[in-house]
C-alpha atoms as a PDB file:
ATOM      1  CA  MET A   1      79.929 -95.578 133.214  1.00  0.00           C
ATOM      2  CA  SER A   2      77.438 -94.401 130.577  1.00  0.00           C
ATOM      3  CA  LEU A   3      73.776 -95.384 130.377  1.00  0.00           C
ATOM      4  CA  ILE A   4      74.479 -97.195 127.115  1.00  0.00           C
ATOM      5  CA  SER A   5      77.254 -99.196 128.753  1.00  0.00           C
ATOM      6  CA  ILE A   6      75.008-100.203 131.644  1.00  0.00           C
ATOM      7  CA  PHE A   7      72.161-101.340 129.407  1.00  0.00           C
ATOM      8  CA  LEU A   8      74.150-102.644 126.454  1.00  0.00           C
ATOM      9  CA  ASP A   9      71.825-105.617 125.993  1.00  0.00           C
ATOM     10  CA  ALA A  10      68.635-103.966 127.210  1.00  0.00           C
ATOM     11  CA  PRO A  11      65.662-103.169 124.971  1.00  0.00           C
ATOM     12  CA  GLU A  12      65.623 -99.666 123.488  1.00  0.00           C
ATOM     13  CA  ASP A  13      62.530 -98.658 125.507  1.00  0.00           C
ATOM     14  CA  GLN A  14      64.261 -99.598 128.757  1.00  0.00           C
ATOM     15  CA  ILE A  15      67.340 -97.555 127.840  1.00  0.00           C
ATOM     16  CA  ILE A  16      65.255 -94.494 126.960  1.00  0.00           C
ATOM     17  CA  ASP A  17      63.033 -94.730 130.075  1.00  0.00           C
ATOM     18  CA  THR A  18      66.080 -95.060 132.310  1.00  0.00           C
ATOM     19  CA  ALA A  19      67.743 -92.113 130.576  1.00  0.00           C
ATOM     20  CA  LYS A  20      64.656 -89.943 131.122  1.00  0.00           C
ATOM     21  CA  ALA A  21      64.494 -90.855 134.813  1.00  0.00           C
ATOM     22  CA  SER A  22      68.176 -90.096 135.275  1.00  0.00           C
ATOM     23  CA  LEU A  23      67.892 -86.736 133.540  1.00  0.00           C
ATOM     24  CA  ASP A  24      64.770 -85.800 135.529  1.00  0.00           C
ATOM     25  CA  ASP A  25      66.749 -86.332 138.731  1.00  0.00           C
ATOM     26  CA  ASP A  26      69.370 -83.856 137.531  1.00  0.00           C
ATOM     27  CA  HIS A  27      67.635 -80.497 137.901  1.00  0.00           C
ATOM     28  CA  SER A  28      70.603 -78.668 136.363  1.00  0.00           C
ATOM     29  CA  ASN A  29      69.522 -79.740 132.885  1.00  0.00           C
ATOM     30  CA  THR A  30      67.128 -77.492 130.970  1.00  0.00           C
ATOM     31  CA  MET A  31      64.151 -78.965 129.106  1.00  0.00           C
ATOM     32  CA  ASN A  32      65.888 -78.564 125.730  1.00  0.00           C
ATOM     33  CA  GLU A  33      69.053 -80.175 127.041  1.00  0.00           C
ATOM     34  CA  LYS A  34      67.048 -83.134 128.354  1.00  0.00           C
ATOM     35  CA  GLN A  35      65.236 -83.576 125.035  1.00  0.00           C
ATOM     36  CA  ASN A  36      68.493 -83.471 123.067  1.00  0.00           C
ATOM     37  CA  MET A  37      70.136 -85.966 125.396  1.00  0.00           C
ATOM     38  CA  VAL A  38      67.230 -88.400 125.097  1.00  0.00           C
ATOM     39  CA  MET A  39      67.313 -88.117 121.282  1.00  0.00           C
ATOM     40  CA  SER A  40      71.032 -88.832 121.276  1.00  0.00           C
ATOM     41  CA  ILE A  41      70.593 -91.824 123.569  1.00  0.00           C
ATOM     42  CA  LYS A  42      67.731 -93.087 121.395  1.00  0.00           C
ATOM     43  CA  ASN A  43      69.932 -93.014 118.295  1.00  0.00           C
ATOM     44  CA  ARG A  44      72.826 -94.676 120.111  1.00  0.00           C
ATOM     45  CA  SER A  45      70.542 -97.388 121.483  1.00  0.00           C
ATOM     46  CA  TYR A  46      69.323 -98.120 117.947  1.00  0.00           C
ATOM     47  CA  VAL A  47      72.920 -98.697 116.888  1.00  0.00           C
ATOM     48  CA  VAL A  48      73.640-100.988 119.846  1.00  0.00           C
ATOM     49  CA  ASN A  49      70.436-103.019 119.727  1.00  0.00           C
ATOM     50  CA  ASN A  50      70.466-103.583 115.977  1.00  0.00           C
ATOM     51  CA  GLY A  51      73.977-104.974 115.719  1.00  0.00           C
ATOM     52  CA  ASN A  52      75.350-101.854 114.052  1.00  0.00           C
ATOM     53  CA  SER A  53      78.241-101.160 116.422  1.00  0.00           C
ATOM     54  CA  ASN A  54      80.720-101.237 113.506  1.00  0.00           C
ATOM     55  CA  PHE A  55      78.815 -98.493 111.688  1.00  0.00           C
ATOM     56  CA  ALA A  56      79.603 -94.800 112.039  1.00  0.00           C
ATOM     57  CA  PRO A  57      76.631 -92.386 112.209  1.00  0.00           C
ATOM     58  CA  ILE A  58      76.850 -89.485 109.759  1.00  0.00           C
ATOM     59  CA  PHE A  59      73.723 -87.690 111.006  1.00  0.00           C
ATOM     60  CA  ASP A  60      73.564 -86.872 114.722  1.00  0.00           C
ATOM     61  CA  GLY A  61      69.771 -86.560 114.875  1.00  0.00           C
ATOM     62  CA  LYS A  62      69.709 -82.897 115.834  1.00  0.00           C
ATOM     63  CA  THR A  63      71.963 -80.790 113.583  1.00  0.00           C
ATOM     64  CA  LEU A  64      73.108 -80.602 109.961  1.00  0.00           C
ATOM     65  CA  ASN A  65      76.766 -80.690 110.974  1.00  0.00           C
ATOM     66  CA  GLY A  66      78.788 -82.141 108.098  1.00  0.00           C
ATOM     67  CA  TRP A  67      75.979 -81.729 105.552  1.00  0.00           C
ATOM     68  CA  GLU A  68      75.529 -79.176 102.764  1.00  0.00           C
ATOM     69  CA  MET A  69      72.527 -78.284 100.599  1.00  0.00           C
ATOM     70  CA  ALA A  70      72.572 -77.912  96.811  1.00  0.00           C
ATOM     71  CA  GLY A  71      69.576 -76.591  94.877  1.00  0.00           C
ATOM     72  CA  ASP A  72      66.326 -74.972  95.915  1.00  0.00           C
ATOM     73  CA  GLY A  73      64.909 -77.678  98.192  1.00  0.00           C
ATOM     74  CA  ARG A  74      65.753 -78.101 101.842  1.00  0.00           C
ATOM     75  CA  PHE A  75      65.651 -80.461 104.795  1.00  0.00           C
ATOM     76  CA  VAL A  76      64.382 -79.583 108.255  1.00  0.00           C
ATOM     77  CA  ILE A  77      65.064 -81.420 111.488  1.00  0.00           C
ATOM     78  CA  VAL A  78      62.093 -83.118 113.162  1.00  0.00           C
ATOM     79  CA  GLU A  79      63.172 -83.251 116.794  1.00  0.00           C
ATOM     80  CA  SER A  80      60.536 -85.759 117.908  1.00  0.00           C
ATOM     81  CA  ASP A  81      61.914 -88.345 115.452  1.00  0.00           C
ATOM     82  CA  ALA A  82      65.567 -87.216 115.504  1.00  0.00           C
ATOM     83  CA  ALA A  83      65.102 -87.139 111.732  1.00  0.00           C
ATOM     84  CA  LEU A  84      65.502 -85.044 108.591  1.00  0.00           C
ATOM     85  CA  GLN A  85      62.457 -84.206 106.467  1.00  0.00           C
ATOM     86  CA  SER A  86      62.490 -82.951 102.882  1.00  0.00           C
ATOM     87  CA  GLU A  87      60.689 -79.735 101.954  1.00  0.00           C
ATOM     88  CA  GLY A  88      60.519 -77.247  99.103  1.00  0.00           C
ATOM     89  CA  GLY A  89      61.595 -77.905  95.540  1.00  0.00           C
ATOM     90  CA  MET A  90      64.327 -80.045  94.018  1.00  0.00           C
ATOM     91  CA  GLY A  91      67.506 -80.197  96.077  1.00  0.00           C
ATOM     92  CA  LEU A  92      70.317 -82.403  97.333  1.00  0.00           C
ATOM     93  CA  LEU A  93      71.486 -82.651 100.931  1.00  0.00           C
ATOM     94  CA  TRP A  94      74.946 -84.200 100.788  1.00  0.00           C
ATOM     95  CA  TYR A  95      77.442 -85.347 103.405  1.00  0.00           C
ATOM     96  CA  SER A  96      80.499 -83.290 102.521  1.00  0.00           C
ATOM     97  CA  GLU A  97      82.883 -84.554 105.183  1.00  0.00           C
ATOM     98  CA  LYS A  98      84.154 -87.603 103.325  1.00  0.00           C
ATOM     99  CA  ILE A  99      84.370 -89.392  99.996  1.00  0.00           C
ATOM    100  CA  TYR A 100      83.484 -93.086 100.263  1.00  0.00           C
ATOM    101  CA  LYS A 101      84.586 -95.958  98.050  1.00  0.00           C
ATOM    102  CA  ASN A 102      83.339 -99.421  99.093  1.00  0.00           C
ATOM    103  CA  PHE A 103      80.793 -99.338 101.908  1.00  0.00           C
ATOM    104  CA  THR A 104      77.505-100.429 103.404  1.00  0.00           C
ATOM    105  CA  LEU A 105      75.077 -97.574 104.066  1.00  0.00           C
ATOM    106  CA  LYS A 106      72.117 -98.063 106.389  1.00  0.00           C
ATOM    107  CA  LEU A 107      69.260 -95.703 107.146  1.00  0.00           C
ATOM    108  CA  GLU A 108      65.568 -95.491 107.968  1.00  0.00           C
ATOM    109  CA  TRP A 109      63.014 -93.542 105.961  1.00  0.00           C
ATOM    110  CA  LYS A 110      59.275 -92.920 105.900  1.00  0.00           C
ATOM    111  CA  VAL A 111      56.919 -91.067 103.574  1.00  0.00           C
ATOM    112  CA  SER A 112      53.998 -88.870 104.580  1.00  0.00           C
ATOM    113  CA  ASP A 113      51.881 -89.799 101.568  1.00  0.00           C
ATOM    114  CA  GLU A 114      51.984 -92.728  99.152  1.00  0.00           C
ATOM    115  CA  SER A 115      52.780 -90.350  96.275  1.00  0.00           C
ATOM    116  CA  ASP A 116      55.909 -88.929  97.959  1.00  0.00           C
ATOM    117  CA  ASN A 117      59.138 -89.082  95.987  1.00  0.00           C
ATOM    118  CA  SER A 118      62.765 -89.020  97.121  1.00  0.00           C
ATOM    119  CA  GLY A 119      65.976 -90.959  96.831  1.00  0.00           C
ATOM    120  CA  VAL A 120      69.412 -91.730  98.238  1.00  0.00           C
ATOM    121  CA  PHE A 121      72.420 -90.838  96.075  1.00  0.00           C
ATOM    122  CA  VAL A 122      75.795 -92.552  96.238  1.00  0.00           C
ATOM    123  CA  ARG A 123      79.198 -92.058  94.634  1.00  0.00           C
ATOM    124  CA  PHE A 124      78.818 -88.632  93.061  1.00  0.00           C
ATOM    125  CA  PRO A 125      81.427 -85.826  92.925  1.00  0.00           C
ATOM    126  CA  ASP A 126      81.109 -82.397  94.557  1.00  0.00           C
ATOM    127  CA  PRO A 127      77.751 -81.193  93.147  1.00  0.00           C
ATOM    128  CA  ASP A 128      78.895 -77.557  92.926  1.00  0.00           C
ATOM    129  CA  ASN A 129      75.439 -76.429  94.123  1.00  0.00           C
ATOM    130  CA  ASN A 130      73.733 -78.297  91.272  1.00  0.00           C
ATOM    131  CA  PRO A 131      71.655 -81.301  92.458  1.00  0.00           C
ATOM    132  CA  ASN A 132      71.491 -82.642  88.910  1.00  0.00           C
ATOM    133  CA  ASN A 133      75.208 -83.443  89.063  1.00  0.00           C
ATOM    134  CA  ALA A 134      74.405 -86.285  91.468  1.00  0.00           C
ATOM    135  CA  VAL A 135      71.778 -87.571  89.030  1.00  0.00           C
ATOM    136  CA  ARG A 136      74.168 -87.553  86.090  1.00  0.00           C
ATOM    137  CA  GLU A 137      77.358 -88.735  87.743  1.00  0.00           C
ATOM    138  CA  GLY A 138      76.215 -90.881  90.684  1.00  0.00           C
ATOM    139  CA  TYR A 139      73.508 -93.467  91.269  1.00  0.00           C
ATOM    140  CA  GLU A 140      70.146 -92.841  92.934  1.00  0.00           C
ATOM    141  CA  ILE A 141      68.387 -95.505  94.971  1.00  0.00           C
ATOM    142  CA  GLN A 142      64.792 -94.498  94.460  1.00  0.00           C
ATOM    143  CA  ILE A 143      61.949 -93.947  96.935  1.00  0.00           C
ATOM    144  CA  ASP A 144      58.646 -93.803  95.025  1.00  0.00           C
ATOM    145  CA  ASP A 145      56.121 -96.609  95.539  1.00  0.00           C
ATOM    146  CA  LYS A 146      53.695 -95.233  92.959  1.00  0.00           C
ATOM    147  CA  ALA A 147      56.058 -94.737  90.021  1.00  0.00           C
ATOM    148  CA  ALA A 148      54.467 -95.943  86.785  1.00  0.00           C
ATOM    149  CA  ASP A 149      57.666 -97.595  85.584  1.00  0.00           C
ATOM    150  CA  SER A 150      59.285-100.279  87.760  1.00  0.00           C
ATOM    151  CA  ILE A 151      62.748 -98.869  86.998  1.00  0.00           C
ATOM    152  CA  HIS A 152      61.681 -95.801  89.008  1.00  0.00           C
ATOM    153  CA  GLN A 153      60.013 -97.582  91.951  1.00  0.00           C
ATOM    154  CA  THR A 154      61.295 -97.816  95.508  1.00  0.00           C
ATOM    155  CA  GLY A 155      64.514 -99.793  95.644  1.00  0.00           C
ATOM    156  CA  ALA A 156      65.396 -99.209  91.990  1.00  0.00           C
ATOM    157  CA  ILE A 157      68.750 -97.925  90.849  1.00  0.00           C
ATOM    158  CA  TYR A 158      66.990 -95.036  89.094  1.00  0.00           C
ATOM    159  CA  ASP A 159      66.912 -95.521  85.299  1.00  0.00           C
ATOM    160  CA  PHE A 160      69.251 -98.528  85.485  1.00  0.00           C
ATOM    161  CA  ALA A 161      67.812-101.464  87.470  1.00  0.00           C
ATOM    162  CA  ALA A 162      64.272-102.227  88.691  1.00  0.00           C
ATOM    163  CA  PRO A 163      63.616-103.892  92.052  1.00  0.00           C
ATOM    164  CA  ASP A 164      62.282-107.438  92.107  1.00  0.00           C
ATOM    165  CA  LYS A 165      59.430-106.192  94.287  1.00  0.00           C
ATOM    166  CA  VAL A 166      58.291-103.181  96.302  1.00  0.00           C
ATOM    167  CA  VAL A 167      58.272-104.000 100.010  1.00  0.00           C
ATOM    168  CA  SER A 168      57.746-100.571 101.586  1.00  0.00           C
ATOM    169  CA  ASN A 169      55.630-100.085 104.683  1.00  0.00           C
ATOM    170  CA  PRO A 170      52.551 -97.801 104.479  1.00  0.00           C
ATOM    171  CA  PRO A 171      52.909 -94.010 104.808  1.00  0.00           C
ATOM    172  CA  GLY A 172      53.758 -92.916 108.330  1.00  0.00           C
ATOM    173  CA  GLN A 173      55.710 -96.097 109.109  1.00  0.00           C
ATOM    174  CA  TRP A 174      59.486 -96.329 109.128  1.00  0.00           C
ATOM    175  CA  ASN A 175      61.358 -98.500 106.626  1.00  0.00           C
ATOM    176  CA  THR A 176      64.961 -99.670 106.566  1.00  0.00           C
ATOM    177  CA  MET A 177      67.270 -99.370 103.587  1.00  0.00           C
ATOM    178  CA  GLU A 178      70.696-100.931 103.195  1.00  0.00           C
ATOM    179  CA  ILE A 179      72.907-100.117 100.218  1.00  0.00           C
ATOM    180  CA  GLN A 180      75.994-102.257  99.674  1.00  0.00           C
ATOM    181  CA  THR A 181      78.716-101.212  97.243  1.00  0.00           C
ATOM    182  CA  GLN A 182      81.758-103.236  96.252  1.00  0.00           C
ATOM    183  CA  ASP A 183      83.688-101.898  93.261  1.00  0.00           C
ATOM    184  CA  GLN A 184      80.954-101.708  90.569  1.00  0.00           C
ATOM    185  CA  SER A 185      78.501-104.053  92.330  1.00  0.00           C
ATOM    186  CA  TYR A 186      75.433-102.580  94.051  1.00  0.00           C
ATOM    187  CA  THR A 187      72.933-104.368  96.291  1.00  0.00           C
ATOM    188  CA  VAL A 188      69.800-102.778  97.766  1.00  0.00           C
ATOM    189  CA  ILE A 189      67.996-104.323 100.759  1.00  0.00           C
ATOM    190  CA  ILE A 190      64.634-102.891 101.854  1.00  0.00           C
ATOM    191  CA  ASN A 191      63.057-103.948 105.164  1.00  0.00           C
ATOM    192  CA  GLY A 192      65.385-106.948 105.318  1.00  0.00           C
ATOM    193  CA  GLN A 193      64.627-108.157 101.784  1.00  0.00           C
ATOM    194  CA  LYS A 194      67.112-108.007  98.915  1.00  0.00           C
ATOM    195  CA  VAL A 195      65.292-106.246  96.077  1.00  0.00           C
ATOM    196  CA  THR A 196      67.924-105.021  93.617  1.00  0.00           C
ATOM    197  CA  GLU A 197      71.346-106.101  92.361  1.00  0.00           C
ATOM    198  CA  PHE A 198      73.185-104.094  89.749  1.00  0.00           C
ATOM    199  CA  THR A 199      76.594-103.798  88.089  1.00  0.00           C
ATOM    200  CA  GLY A 200      77.463-100.187  87.306  1.00  0.00           C
ATOM    201  CA  SER A 201      80.017 -98.331  85.232  1.00  0.00           C
ATOM    202  CA  LYS A 202      80.253 -94.869  86.808  1.00  0.00           C
ATOM    203  CA  LEU A 203      82.575 -93.562  89.524  1.00  0.00           C
ATOM    204  CA  ASN A 204      83.712 -96.078  92.105  1.00  0.00           C
ATOM    205  CA  GLU A 205      83.865 -93.465  94.872  1.00  0.00           C
ATOM    206  CA  GLY A 206      82.103 -90.267  95.842  1.00  0.00           C
ATOM    207  CA  TYR A 207      79.738 -88.565  98.267  1.00  0.00           C
ATOM    208  CA  ILE A 208      76.420 -89.643  99.810  1.00  0.00           C
ATOM    209  CA  GLY A 209      73.263 -87.532  99.569  1.00  0.00           C
ATOM    210  CA  LEU A 210      69.502 -87.336 100.099  1.00  0.00           C
ATOM    211  CA  GLN A 211      66.998 -85.905  97.643  1.00  0.00           C
ATOM    212  CA  ALA A 212      64.361 -83.250  98.246  1.00  0.00           C
ATOM    213  CA  HIS A 213      62.220 -83.944  95.194  1.00  0.00           C
ATOM    214  CA  ASP A 214      59.350 -81.422  95.141  1.00  0.00           C
ATOM    215  CA  ASP A 215      57.326 -79.093  97.343  1.00  0.00           C
ATOM    216  CA  LYS A 216      54.648 -81.726  98.046  1.00  0.00           C
ATOM    217  CA  SER A 217      56.879 -84.648  99.047  1.00  0.00           C
ATOM    218  CA  LYS A 218      57.775 -84.838 102.729  1.00  0.00           C
ATOM    219  CA  VAL A 219      60.136 -87.779 103.171  1.00  0.00           C
ATOM    220  CA  SER A 220      61.961 -88.313 106.461  1.00  0.00           C
ATOM    221  CA  PHE A 221      65.332 -89.948 107.132  1.00  0.00           C
ATOM    222  CA  ARG A 222      67.028 -90.974 110.363  1.00  0.00           C
ATOM    223  CA  ASN A 223      69.683 -93.319 111.798  1.00  0.00           C
ATOM    224  CA  ILE A 224      71.951 -92.728 108.800  1.00  0.00           C
ATOM    225  CA  MET A 225      75.135 -94.732 109.281  1.00  0.00           C
ATOM    226  CA  ILE A 226      77.939 -96.166 107.195  1.00  0.00           C
ATOM    227  CA  LYS A 227      80.588 -98.871 107.392  1.00  0.00           C
ATOM    228  CA  GLU A 228      83.514 -98.701 105.017  1.00  0.00           C
ATOM    229  CA  VAL A 229      84.677-101.946 103.412  1.00  0.00           C
ATOM    230  CA  PHE A 230      88.410-102.257 102.736  1.00  0.00           C
END
């Protein structure tokens, strides 16, 4: 029986502490193996303890398996957070394994500085190594608390619908984002609060991606998971 099965209803900290103790008792594991196992258990415990058991993770917390990069920017893996962090210039990291139609996408993000800029793209075609294709043909859910125009602030459908309010946590703190799509209806929920509703007119299916905006913005993402709606 797995550690997650044993502690299905236990707090995340208890699961992680128990996992560490169990791994420490097994001297056959190297330090790197132990760290990777704990990260994996941490991500799985998040799914269990937050009622997300019907969601499928599309980022494993330690590799870029299933993801491709378009443009000059990049994402690096931050092992301590089991997260992705944007670096470099403009670019698009997109999940190339599957095209999604109607779905709910959940993830966590945090910025390093209040001026950081990024976004989550949905329903765009194969970008063909051009990140601007996602801008033109999909929709971007914006991350930018300091944007001068509300239609470009965090939670906005970029250029199309402004959020009712900006409810982001301060830099260095994690936030939750939930994006719901149903045909041409879009709903954005930030930190448990519904901030944006929008009716679109673009593609009703496509890929999911994350934006690396510029060489100064360092925005992190983790616990990226999706549930298809049929």
